[in-house]
Each structure stands twice: as structure tokens, then as C-alpha cells.
Amino acid sequence: MDFMRRVRERLPEKGGVTPAIAVTAYYEEFLAGTARAAGFEVYLTKPINFESLCVLMDHVTGIKRQHDDTAALT
């Protein structure tokens, strides 16, 4: 959380608006709120579905692409 707070303090051209997803092995509501307050766009718990993660990554980075059935093959 401290690392992400420090990233968010940076200027945009120095990476301050870099999209970020927090991943943890367990879910606790207060940690989800803390992660969002620190600057993470999303707070996920394991196990994570690969295809869902790819869609989420596209969303938080603002990427719009055609459906790609080969994504899971790479």
C-alpha cells in the first residue's frame, strides 16, 4: 500500500497515473477499501481466472479491442 501511495504522488509523466491492480490470497473489506484509497483501481483475491484478468487489465488501462480467442494461448 505504501508503494502505491508513493506512485500516486508522482507526476503523471513520471508514472503517477499508472493503472494498478492489487492481488491477495484473502479478502477483507477494510483492506479492499485501503487498497482503493492507496490508488489501486481494483482489489482481487486468488485464484484469478486468466481470461477475466485480461479483460480487467484492458478495462483499467483503457484498451478497447476485439474479442481474441487466442489470448489464453500466449
Protein backbone atom coordinates (compact mmCIF):
# COMPACT_ATOMS: atom_id res chain seq x y z
CA MET A 1 0.00 0.00 0.00
CA ASP A 2 2.83 2.39 0.82
CA PHE A 3 4.43 1.75 -2.55
CA MET A 4 1.20 2.56 -4.40
CA ARG A 5 0.70 5.74 -2.36
CA ARG A 6 4.19 6.83 -3.39
CA VAL A 7 3.49 6.02 -7.03
CA ARG A 8 0.31 8.14 -6.90
CA GLU A 9 2.30 11.08 -5.51
CA ARG A 10 4.37 11.18 -8.70
CA LEU A 11 3.56 13.43 -11.65
CA PRO A 12 1.55 11.75 -14.43
CA GLU A 13 4.53 11.86 -16.80
CA LYS A 14 6.62 10.13 -14.12
CA GLY A 15 4.14 7.24 -13.76
CA GLY A 16 1.74 8.69 -11.20
CA VAL A 17 -1.33 7.53 -13.11
CA THR A 18 -0.08 4.03 -13.95
CA PRO A 19 -3.01 1.57 -13.67
CA ALA A 20 -2.63 -0.91 -10.81
CA ILE A 21 -4.45 -3.99 -9.55
CA ALA A 22 -3.92 -5.31 -6.02
CA VAL A 23 -3.86 -9.11 -5.72
CA THR A 24 -4.08 -11.00 -2.45
CA ALA A 25 -4.74 -14.53 -1.21
CA TYR A 26 -7.64 -13.46 1.01
CA TYR A 27 -10.38 -10.84 1.04
CA GLU A 28 -11.05 -8.41 3.85
CA GLU A 29 -13.40 -5.48 3.30
CA PHE A 30 -11.22 -2.97 5.13
CA LEU A 31 -8.19 -3.98 3.01
CA ALA A 32 -10.19 -3.56 -0.18
CA GLY A 33 -11.06 -0.01 0.88
CA THR A 34 -7.48 0.65 1.93
CA ALA A 35 -6.19 -0.62 -1.42
CA ARG A 36 -8.56 1.64 -3.33
CA ALA A 37 -7.66 4.61 -1.13
CA ALA A 38 -3.96 3.91 -1.78
CA GLY A 39 -4.57 4.18 -5.52
CA PHE A 40 -5.29 0.67 -6.77
CA GLU A 41 -8.14 0.59 -9.29
CA VAL A 42 -9.10 -2.97 -8.36
CA TYR A 43 -8.60 -5.38 -5.44
CA LEU A 44 -8.64 -9.07 -6.44
CA THR A 45 -8.41 -12.29 -4.49
CA LYS A 46 -6.81 -15.52 -5.66
CA PRO A 47 -7.44 -17.73 -7.51
CA ILE A 48 -7.79 -15.44 -10.51
CA ASN A 49 -9.28 -16.52 -13.81
CA PHE A 50 -6.76 -15.68 -16.56
CA GLU A 51 -9.31 -14.53 -19.13
CA SER A 52 -11.14 -12.39 -16.57
CA LEU A 53 -7.84 -10.81 -15.57
CA CYS A 54 -7.06 -9.99 -19.22
CA VAL A 55 -10.44 -8.29 -19.62
CA LEU A 56 -9.91 -6.39 -16.36
CA MET A 57 -6.43 -5.27 -17.45
CA ASP A 58 -7.88 -3.94 -20.68
CA HIS A 59 -10.53 -2.09 -18.69
CA VAL A 60 -8.19 -0.39 -16.20
CA THR A 61 -5.75 0.58 -18.95
CA GLY A 62 -8.48 1.87 -21.25
CA ILE A 63 -7.70 -0.60 -24.02
CA LYS A 64 -10.56 -1.42 -26.36
CA ARG A 65 -10.01 -4.44 -28.56
CA GLN A 66 -11.90 -7.05 -30.48
CA HIS A 67 -12.58 -10.34 -28.71
CA ASP A 68 -9.46 -12.51 -29.09
CA ASP A 69 -9.83 -16.25 -28.57
CA THR A 70 -6.07 -16.71 -28.85
CA ALA A 71 -5.27 -14.61 -25.75
CA ALA A 72 -5.30 -17.66 -23.49
CA LEU A 73 -2.80 -19.41 -25.76
CA THR A 74 0.01 -16.93 -25.27
